[in-house]
Amino acid sequence: MNDSVLIIGSGPGLSASLARLFASKGLKVVLASRNIEKLNDLKNEINAETIICDSSNHESVLNLFKKVDKIVGTPNLVIYNASARPNKGPINELNPAETQKAINITCFGAFLVAQEAAKRMVDKKKGSIFFTGATAGVKGFPNSSAFAMGKFGLRGLAQSLARELHPKGIHIVHFIIDGGIGKEPKGDYQTINPDEIAKTYFQFYKQDKSAWAWEVELRTSMEKF
C-alpha cells in the first residue's frame, strides 16, 4: 500500500497545495473538511478521498479516523491545517461564544486529531503529525487575543508532543507561517506562496531521524521579524 496523508481543514489555499504536492510524490491523499463540496475539483484532479469532519467535535473526529482506517489504514502523515480567526477587537468587545468556538477549532481540534493519530502511530512506532501555526502562536498582537490563545495553545501542544513522541518514532512538526498566504502579492504586501510552503512540509516529511526538527518559521524576505 502506498504512503498516505490525511489533511484536516482542507480548502483551496495551503491545503490544496499540500494535497497536490504529496499526491505528485505518490502518496494517497485523504481530505477532511466540514464542507467537502468545495473539494470536488481537487478530489477529481488528484484522485483523493474526501470525508466530512468537524475537527472540534470529538465524535466527528472519531468517525473520521474510523473511515480513514478503512480507506488507507494508519496514515503515514497527518496534517492539521484547521484554524478559526474570530473578528479582531478589544477584549471587552469580543463575543465569548465565538471566541470559544475559535479556540475549539484551532487548538482543541488539533488535540483530538493528534490523539487519534498517535493511538495508531505509536503501535507502529512510526508516523508524522504536522501542525500549521502562525505568527500569533509566538507573538500576541493587540486586539487579537482570541486568535493568539488558539495558536499559542497549538504551539504548546506541538512542543509537548514532540518531546513525548519523538522518542517513540513519531515526528511532530509545528510550522509557523509568518505572513499572509497567496500566490500573488496584495498590493505592496508580499505574500508567501502556498506551493513553496508545501515544499517545506514535504522536506520535513522526508527528514531522517538523525536530524529531526520540530519547528520552522516561514516568511518572505520582506516580512518583519
Protein backbone atom coordinates (compact mmCIF):
# COMPACT_ATOMS: atom_id res chain seq x y z
CA MET A 1 0.00 0.00 0.00
CA ASN A 2 1.25 3.48 -0.89
CA ASP A 3 2.11 6.03 1.78
CA SER A 4 -0.84 8.22 2.66
CA VAL A 5 -1.52 11.69 4.05
CA LEU A 6 -4.61 12.92 5.88
CA ILE A 7 -5.15 16.69 5.69
CA ILE A 8 -7.69 18.15 8.12
CA GLY A 9 -9.08 21.61 7.42
CA SER A 10 -8.88 21.29 3.66
CA GLY A 11 -9.71 24.14 1.33
CA PRO A 12 -8.43 25.99 -1.75
CA GLY A 13 -5.34 27.56 -0.12
CA LEU A 14 -2.37 25.91 1.57
CA SER A 15 -4.08 22.55 1.99
CA ALA A 16 -4.71 22.35 -1.76
CA SER A 17 -1.02 23.00 -2.44
CA LEU A 18 -0.10 20.33 0.11
CA ALA A 19 -2.53 17.86 -1.42
CA ARG A 20 -1.22 18.39 -4.95
CA LEU A 21 2.42 18.10 -3.96
CA PHE A 22 2.05 14.97 -1.83
CA ALA A 23 -0.11 13.35 -4.49
CA SER A 24 2.59 14.10 -7.08
CA LYS A 25 5.07 12.29 -4.82
CA GLY A 26 2.95 9.15 -4.85
CA LEU A 27 1.04 9.50 -1.58
CA LYS A 28 -2.66 8.72 -1.35
CA VAL A 29 -4.42 11.87 -0.17
CA VAL A 30 -7.42 11.99 2.16
CA LEU A 31 -9.03 15.41 2.65
CA ALA A 32 -11.24 16.24 5.63
CA SER A 33 -13.40 19.33 5.93
CA ARG A 34 -16.75 20.47 7.26
CA ASN A 35 -17.69 21.25 3.65
CA ILE A 36 -16.41 18.68 1.17
CA GLU A 37 -18.38 20.01 -1.82
CA LYS A 38 -15.76 22.74 -2.25
CA LEU A 39 -13.16 19.98 -2.66
CA ASN A 40 -14.78 18.21 -5.63
CA ASP A 41 -12.47 19.65 -8.29
CA LEU A 42 -9.34 18.94 -6.25
CA LYS A 43 -10.62 15.46 -5.39
CA ASN A 44 -11.02 14.60 -9.07
CA GLU A 45 -7.73 16.24 -10.03
CA ILE A 46 -5.55 14.16 -7.70
CA ASN A 47 -7.83 11.15 -7.10
CA ALA A 48 -8.22 12.00 -3.42
CA GLU A 49 -10.74 10.79 -0.88
CA THR A 50 -12.91 13.33 0.95
CA ILE A 51 -14.56 12.95 4.36
CA ILE A 52 -16.81 15.34 6.26
CA CYS A 53 -15.37 16.25 9.65
CA ASP A 54 -15.84 18.95 12.28
CA SER A 55 -12.44 18.76 13.95
CA SER A 56 -13.69 20.49 17.10
CA ASN A 57 -16.19 17.67 17.73
CA HIS A 58 -14.91 14.51 19.38
CA GLU A 59 -17.41 12.15 17.77
CA SER A 60 -16.75 13.64 14.34
CA VAL A 61 -13.00 13.09 14.73
CA LEU A 62 -13.56 9.51 15.91
CA ASN A 63 -15.72 8.84 12.85
CA LEU A 64 -13.11 10.43 10.60
CA PHE A 65 -10.38 8.08 11.74
CA LYS A 66 -12.66 5.03 11.56
CA LYS A 67 -13.29 5.87 7.90
CA VAL A 68 -9.61 6.56 7.26
CA ASP A 69 -8.76 3.19 8.83
CA LYS A 70 -10.88 1.50 6.18
CA ILE A 71 -9.59 3.59 3.27
CA VAL A 72 -5.81 3.73 3.86
CA GLY A 73 -5.17 2.21 7.29
CA THR A 74 -2.95 4.35 9.51
CA PRO A 75 -1.83 7.46 7.57
CA ASN A 76 1.91 7.98 7.32
CA LEU A 77 1.33 11.70 7.77
CA VAL A 78 -1.48 13.68 9.40
CA ILE A 79 -1.56 17.45 8.79
CA TYR A 80 -3.73 19.64 10.99
CA ASN A 81 -4.47 22.72 8.92
CA ALA A 82 -7.78 23.74 10.51
CA SER A 83 -7.99 27.17 12.09
CA ALA A 84 -10.52 29.83 13.01
CA ARG A 85 -9.90 33.55 13.27
CA PRO A 86 -12.71 35.42 15.05
CA ASN A 87 -13.21 39.13 14.46
CA LYS A 88 -10.42 41.29 15.86
CA GLY A 89 -11.26 43.71 18.60
CA PRO A 90 -10.58 44.81 22.18
CA ILE A 91 -11.16 42.13 24.78
CA ASN A 92 -14.18 43.91 26.27
CA GLU A 93 -15.95 43.64 22.91
CA LEU A 94 -15.17 40.02 21.98
CA ASN A 95 -18.04 37.56 21.76
CA PRO A 96 -17.31 34.76 24.29
CA ALA A 97 -19.16 32.12 22.28
CA GLU A 98 -17.30 32.95 19.07
CA THR A 99 -14.01 33.04 20.94
CA GLN A 100 -14.66 29.61 22.45
CA LYS A 101 -15.55 28.24 19.02
CA ALA A 102 -12.33 29.59 17.53
CA ILE A 103 -10.20 28.05 20.28
CA ASN A 104 -12.01 24.73 19.88
CA ILE A 105 -11.19 24.61 16.17
CA THR A 106 -7.65 25.98 16.29
CA CYS A 107 -6.38 24.21 19.40
CA PHE A 108 -8.72 21.61 20.92
CA GLY A 109 -9.40 20.10 17.50
CA ALA A 110 -5.68 19.68 16.99
CA PHE A 111 -5.52 17.74 20.25
CA LEU A 112 -8.41 15.48 19.23
CA VAL A 113 -6.80 14.72 15.85
CA ALA A 114 -3.33 14.22 17.32
CA GLN A 115 -4.70 11.85 19.96
CA GLU A 116 -6.36 9.59 17.39
CA ALA A 117 -3.33 9.70 15.10
CA ALA A 118 -0.96 8.90 17.96
CA LYS A 119 -3.05 5.94 19.12
CA ARG A 120 -2.42 4.34 15.75
CA MET A 121 1.14 5.52 15.09
CA VAL A 122 2.65 4.59 18.46
CA ASP A 123 1.80 0.93 17.92
CA LYS A 124 3.61 1.05 14.58
CA LYS A 125 6.49 3.14 16.02
CA LYS A 126 6.39 5.45 13.02
CA GLY A 127 4.41 8.30 11.52
CA SER A 128 4.33 12.09 11.32
CA ILE A 129 1.91 14.70 12.69
CA PHE A 130 2.25 18.25 11.37
CA PHE A 131 0.52 21.40 12.67
CA THR A 132 0.05 24.64 10.74
CA GLY A 133 0.76 27.52 13.11
CA ALA A 134 1.02 31.27 12.73
CA THR A 135 2.91 34.31 13.97
CA ALA A 136 0.18 34.66 16.60
CA GLY A 137 1.49 31.47 18.22
CA VAL A 138 4.72 33.15 19.28
CA LYS A 139 3.73 36.83 19.40
CA GLY A 140 0.39 38.13 20.64
CA PHE A 141 -0.84 41.22 18.83
CA PRO A 142 -3.20 43.92 20.17
CA ASN A 143 -6.90 43.20 19.61
CA SER A 144 -6.12 39.63 18.55
CA SER A 145 -6.30 37.77 21.86
CA ALA A 146 -8.80 35.15 20.67
CA PHE A 147 -6.60 34.07 17.75
CA ALA A 148 -3.45 34.22 19.89
CA MET A 149 -4.93 31.91 22.53
CA GLY A 150 -5.69 29.25 19.96
CA LYS A 151 -2.33 29.46 18.21
CA PHE A 152 -0.31 29.64 21.44
CA GLY A 153 -2.14 26.53 22.61
CA LEU A 154 -1.43 24.80 19.30
CA ARG A 155 2.29 25.51 19.62
CA GLY A 156 2.32 24.26 23.21
CA LEU A 157 0.62 21.06 22.10
CA ALA A 158 3.16 20.52 19.33
CA GLN A 159 6.16 21.18 21.56
CA SER A 160 4.89 18.83 24.25
CA LEU A 161 4.09 16.09 21.74
CA ALA A 162 7.49 16.43 20.10
CA ARG A 163 9.19 15.70 23.42
CA GLU A 164 6.77 12.87 24.16
CA LEU A 165 6.53 11.17 20.78
CA HIS A 166 9.86 11.73 19.03
CA PRO A 167 11.48 9.00 21.16
CA LYS A 168 8.64 6.70 20.08
CA GLY A 169 9.32 7.23 16.38
CA ILE A 170 6.58 9.82 15.71
CA HIS A 171 7.76 13.01 14.01
CA ILE A 172 5.98 16.13 15.26
CA VAL A 173 6.41 19.46 13.47
CA HIS A 174 4.93 22.92 14.05
CA PHE A 175 5.09 25.26 11.05
CA ILE A 176 4.96 28.96 11.90
CA ILE A 177 3.58 30.77 8.86
CA ASP A 178 4.73 34.34 9.47
CA GLY A 179 2.74 36.33 6.95
CA GLY A 180 -0.20 36.16 4.59
CA ILE A 181 -0.50 33.27 2.17
CA GLY A 182 -1.14 33.86 -1.52
CA LYS A 183 0.32 33.26 -4.96
CA GLU A 184 0.19 36.96 -5.84
CA PRO A 185 1.24 40.00 -3.75
CA LYS A 186 -1.55 42.04 -2.19
CA GLY A 187 -0.58 45.46 -3.45
CA ASP A 188 2.80 46.25 -1.90
CA TYR A 189 2.44 43.43 0.63
CA GLN A 190 4.42 40.32 -0.24
CA THR A 191 2.61 37.04 0.41
CA ILE A 192 4.03 33.55 0.96
CA ASN A 193 3.40 31.24 -1.98
CA PRO A 194 1.50 28.16 -0.71
CA ASP A 195 3.25 25.93 -3.23
CA GLU A 196 6.60 26.90 -1.68
CA ILE A 197 5.27 26.31 1.84
CA ALA A 198 4.15 22.84 0.73
CA LYS A 199 7.68 22.04 -0.42
CA THR A 200 8.94 22.69 3.13
CA TYR A 201 6.30 20.37 4.58
CA PHE A 202 7.50 17.64 2.22
CA GLN A 203 11.15 18.27 3.12
CA PHE A 204 10.29 17.81 6.79
CA TYR A 205 8.30 14.68 5.98
CA LYS A 206 11.45 13.21 4.42
CA GLN A 207 13.80 14.21 7.25
CA ASP A 208 15.99 11.45 8.62
CA LYS A 209 15.50 10.55 12.29
CA SER A 210 19.10 11.56 12.97
CA ALA A 211 18.21 15.19 12.20
CA TRP A 212 14.55 15.73 13.06
CA ALA A 213 13.35 19.30 13.60
CA TRP A 214 10.15 20.04 15.48
CA GLU A 215 9.54 23.64 14.35
CA VAL A 216 10.28 26.03 11.50
CA GLU A 217 9.27 29.61 10.66
CA LEU A 218 8.46 30.59 7.09
CA ARG A 219 8.24 34.20 5.91
CA THR A 220 9.04 36.27 2.83
CA SER A 221 12.27 38.21 2.61
CA MET A 222 10.23 41.38 3.16
CA GLU A 223 8.39 40.30 6.33
CA LYS A 224 9.44 42.00 9.55
CA PHE A 225 10.58 39.77 12.40
